[in-house]
Amino acid sequence: MIFASNNEGKIKELKSIFKNQEILSLNEAKINIEVEETEDTFYGNALKKATEIYKITGIPTIADDSGLCIDALNSWPGVLTHRFLGENKTDKERNCYILEKMKQINGKTRVAHAVCCLVYYDGTNTIIGEGVLHGKISNTRRGQNGFGFDEIFELNNNRTLAELTEEEKNTTSARYLAIIDLKKKLDTKILNRR
């Protein structure tokens, strides 16, 4: 299978759960294209990437889309999490912007959730894995581990995702939950039938 990503953290996480399957990143499959995320849902973006890579390779493909949804801001930034300030901004710039935007929002109204949607596509079957992690937006950036919005996403234990060890994060994140969900469905519908 191909995982339509070159993000080393994502690839490592997927391969660690799909231990008995050969998973190739885009680089490993020698595919040098990036599918543009133009859809308005996580599922739409993941499906678009999976189907486009499958059309090129003919190999079953898994793709993902994920992001941060802040309840008080009508689930913003959602599918625009990585792009709401433009493609070339850093995680730090995006996180500082979010914290500034939420300055006047306190307590329970800082509730947020991280969403990950994985889609498997093999030309016939489309299988979806979903993960949602509930938490809130912290008041400051904290932690050195992780990427994206990890340093501002606080769990119920009052630690941000960036304050967790890699091992803790890999068994907590929305992506981990989505991978487990997808693996369970694939095992039932596809892999055990081969």
Protein backbone atom coordinates (compact mmCIF):
# COMPACT_ATOMS: atom_id res chain seq x y z
CA MET A 1 0.00 0.00 0.00
CA ILE A 2 1.04 3.60 -0.51
CA PHE A 3 0.57 6.22 2.18
CA ALA A 4 0.10 9.50 0.33
CA SER A 5 2.50 11.45 2.55
CA ASN A 6 6.17 12.25 3.04
CA ASN A 7 5.71 13.34 6.66
CA GLU A 8 8.11 11.09 8.57
CA GLY A 9 6.13 11.21 11.83
CA LYS A 10 2.89 10.18 10.12
CA ILE A 11 4.60 7.41 8.14
CA LYS A 12 6.31 5.99 11.23
CA GLU A 13 3.02 5.97 13.13
CA LEU A 14 1.13 4.23 10.32
CA LYS A 15 3.87 1.63 9.75
CA SER A 16 4.06 0.83 13.47
CA ILE A 17 0.38 -0.19 13.47
CA PHE A 18 0.29 -1.85 10.03
CA LYS A 19 3.25 -4.06 10.96
CA ASN A 20 2.39 -6.94 8.61
CA GLN A 21 1.79 -4.75 5.55
CA GLU A 22 4.32 -3.13 3.27
CA ILE A 23 3.60 0.60 3.37
CA LEU A 24 5.44 2.97 1.03
CA SER A 25 5.62 6.73 1.41
CA LEU A 26 5.32 8.87 -1.72
CA ASN A 27 9.12 9.18 -1.78
CA GLU A 28 9.60 5.43 -1.43
CA ALA A 29 7.10 4.88 -4.27
CA LYS A 30 9.00 7.50 -6.33
CA ILE A 31 5.94 9.71 -6.69
CA ASN A 32 6.85 13.36 -6.87
CA ILE A 33 3.49 15.12 -6.82
CA GLU A 34 1.54 16.85 -4.10
CA VAL A 35 -2.23 16.70 -4.38
CA GLU A 36 -3.78 20.07 -3.59
CA GLU A 37 -6.29 20.08 -0.73
CA THR A 38 -9.26 21.92 -2.22
CA GLU A 39 -12.20 20.19 -0.53
CA ASP A 40 -14.21 21.62 2.38
CA THR A 41 -14.10 18.51 4.61
CA PHE A 42 -11.30 16.36 6.03
CA TYR A 43 -12.88 13.35 4.33
CA GLY A 44 -13.05 15.17 0.98
CA ASN A 45 -9.36 16.09 1.06
CA ALA A 46 -8.26 12.60 2.15
CA LEU A 47 -10.42 10.93 -0.51
CA LYS A 48 -9.10 13.26 -3.21
CA LYS A 49 -5.48 12.44 -2.32
CA ALA A 50 -6.10 8.68 -2.09
CA THR A 51 -7.95 8.46 -5.42
CA GLU A 52 -5.46 10.65 -7.32
CA ILE A 53 -2.44 8.66 -6.11
CA TYR A 54 -4.24 5.38 -6.84
CA LYS A 55 -4.99 6.55 -10.41
CA ILE A 56 -1.26 7.18 -10.95
CA THR A 57 0.01 3.94 -9.40
CA GLY A 58 -2.77 1.35 -9.43
CA ILE A 59 -1.65 0.49 -5.87
CA PRO A 60 -4.07 0.64 -2.91
CA THR A 61 -3.55 4.03 -1.25
CA ILE A 62 -4.15 5.52 2.18
CA ALA A 63 -4.34 9.31 2.56
CA ASP A 64 -5.16 11.59 5.47
CA ASP A 65 -6.32 15.04 6.33
CA SER A 66 -6.42 16.46 9.82
CA GLY A 67 -6.81 19.68 11.71
CA LEU A 68 -7.87 21.65 14.73
CA CYS A 69 -11.50 22.63 15.37
CA ILE A 70 -12.19 25.30 18.01
CA ASP A 71 -15.77 25.16 19.26
CA ALA A 72 -16.08 28.86 20.18
CA LEU A 73 -14.93 29.80 16.66
CA ASN A 74 -17.46 27.58 14.82
CA SER A 75 -14.87 24.79 14.35
CA TRP A 76 -12.36 27.18 12.76
CA PRO A 77 -9.65 26.67 11.43
CA GLY A 78 -10.82 23.12 10.54
CA VAL A 79 -9.64 21.98 7.10
CA LEU A 80 -7.66 25.23 6.80
CA THR A 81 -5.53 24.47 9.88
CA HIS A 82 -2.28 24.37 7.92
CA ARG A 83 -3.22 27.07 5.41
CA PHE A 84 -5.31 29.77 7.11
CA LEU A 85 -2.38 32.23 7.15
CA GLY A 86 -0.98 31.01 3.82
CA GLU A 87 1.19 28.03 2.87
CA ASN A 88 4.52 29.53 3.90
CA LYS A 89 3.76 30.41 7.52
CA THR A 90 5.33 28.46 10.38
CA ASP A 91 3.56 26.44 13.08
CA LYS A 92 4.68 29.07 15.59
CA GLU A 93 3.11 31.90 13.56
CA ARG A 94 -0.17 30.01 13.18
CA ASN A 95 -0.27 29.09 16.89
CA CYS A 96 0.50 32.66 18.00
CA TYR A 97 -2.29 33.91 15.73
CA ILE A 98 -4.77 31.45 17.27
CA LEU A 99 -3.75 32.41 20.83
CA GLU A 100 -4.14 36.11 20.00
CA LYS A 101 -7.56 35.49 18.41
CA MET A 102 -8.66 33.64 21.58
CA LYS A 103 -7.35 36.20 24.09
CA GLN A 104 -10.84 37.16 25.28
CA ILE A 105 -12.14 33.57 25.39
CA ASN A 106 -11.84 31.93 28.81
CA GLY A 107 -12.36 28.65 30.62
CA LYS A 108 -14.77 26.08 29.21
CA THR A 109 -15.28 28.09 26.04
CA ARG A 110 -11.69 27.27 24.99
CA VAL A 111 -12.86 23.73 24.16
CA ALA A 112 -11.47 22.27 20.94
CA HIS A 113 -11.00 18.97 19.20
CA ALA A 114 -8.38 17.56 16.87
CA VAL A 115 -9.73 15.57 13.93
CA CYS A 116 -8.02 13.07 11.64
CA CYS A 117 -9.65 11.32 8.70
CA LEU A 118 -7.86 8.50 6.86
CA VAL A 119 -9.17 7.08 3.60
CA TYR A 120 -8.14 3.79 1.98
CA TYR A 121 -8.90 3.47 -1.73
CA ASP A 122 -8.12 0.52 -4.02
CA GLY A 123 -10.16 1.32 -7.12
CA THR A 124 -13.20 -0.53 -5.75
CA ASN A 125 -13.32 -0.08 -1.98
CA THR A 126 -13.32 3.19 -0.06
CA ILE A 127 -12.80 2.69 3.67
CA ILE A 128 -12.69 5.51 6.21
CA GLY A 129 -10.91 5.66 9.56
CA GLU A 130 -11.69 8.56 11.87
CA GLY A 131 -10.20 9.84 15.10
CA VAL A 132 -11.28 12.74 17.30
CA LEU A 133 -9.32 13.92 20.32
CA HIS A 134 -11.03 16.32 22.75
CA GLY A 135 -9.22 19.02 24.66
CA LYS A 136 -8.92 22.79 24.79
CA ILE A 137 -6.70 25.61 23.61
CA SER A 138 -4.03 26.46 26.18
CA ASN A 139 -3.29 30.06 27.17
CA THR A 140 0.34 29.86 26.05
CA ARG A 141 2.54 27.75 23.79
CA ARG A 142 4.03 24.87 25.81
CA GLY A 143 6.21 21.87 25.05
CA GLN A 144 8.98 20.93 22.66
CA ASN A 145 7.72 17.64 21.17
CA GLY A 146 5.45 17.48 18.18
CA PHE A 147 4.44 19.82 15.38
CA GLY A 148 1.45 21.73 14.06
CA PHE A 149 -0.86 22.85 16.86
CA ASP A 150 0.54 20.37 19.45
CA GLU A 151 2.00 23.16 21.61
CA ILE A 152 -1.41 24.84 22.10
CA PHE A 153 -3.69 21.78 22.29
CA GLU A 154 -4.19 20.90 25.97
CA LEU A 155 -5.54 17.55 27.11
CA ASN A 156 -7.68 16.84 30.18
CA ASN A 157 -4.48 16.12 32.16
CA ASN A 158 -3.44 19.80 31.66
CA ARG A 159 -0.52 18.85 29.38
CA THR A 160 -0.30 19.94 25.78
CA LEU A 161 0.34 17.36 23.06
CA ALA A 162 3.82 18.89 22.73
CA GLU A 163 4.51 18.12 26.41
CA LEU A 164 3.90 14.39 25.89
CA THR A 165 6.65 11.94 25.02
CA GLU A 166 6.57 10.58 21.49
CA GLU A 167 5.30 7.26 22.86
CA GLU A 168 2.49 8.96 24.84
CA LYS A 169 1.46 11.06 21.85
CA ASN A 170 1.48 8.08 19.52
CA THR A 171 -1.12 6.33 21.67
CA THR A 172 -3.24 9.46 22.25
CA SER A 173 -3.41 11.52 19.07
CA ALA A 174 -6.39 11.83 16.73
CA ARG A 175 -4.19 10.28 14.01
CA TYR A 176 -3.49 7.24 16.21
CA LEU A 177 -7.23 6.82 16.83
CA ALA A 178 -7.93 7.12 13.07
CA ILE A 179 -5.22 4.58 12.19
CA ILE A 180 -6.61 2.07 14.72
CA ASP A 181 -10.14 2.62 13.34
CA LEU A 182 -8.98 2.16 9.73
CA LYS A 183 -6.87 -0.92 10.56
CA LYS A 184 -9.82 -2.60 12.27
CA LYS A 185 -12.08 -1.97 9.25
CA LEU A 186 -9.42 -3.02 6.74
CA ASP A 187 -8.70 -6.24 8.67
CA THR A 188 -12.40 -7.10 8.53
CA LYS A 189 -13.19 -6.07 4.96
CA ILE A 190 -9.98 -6.42 2.93
CA LEU A 191 -6.80 -7.80 4.50
CA ASN A 192 -8.24 -11.00 6.01
CA ARG A 193 -9.79 -11.94 2.67
CA ARG A 194 -6.51 -12.03 0.79
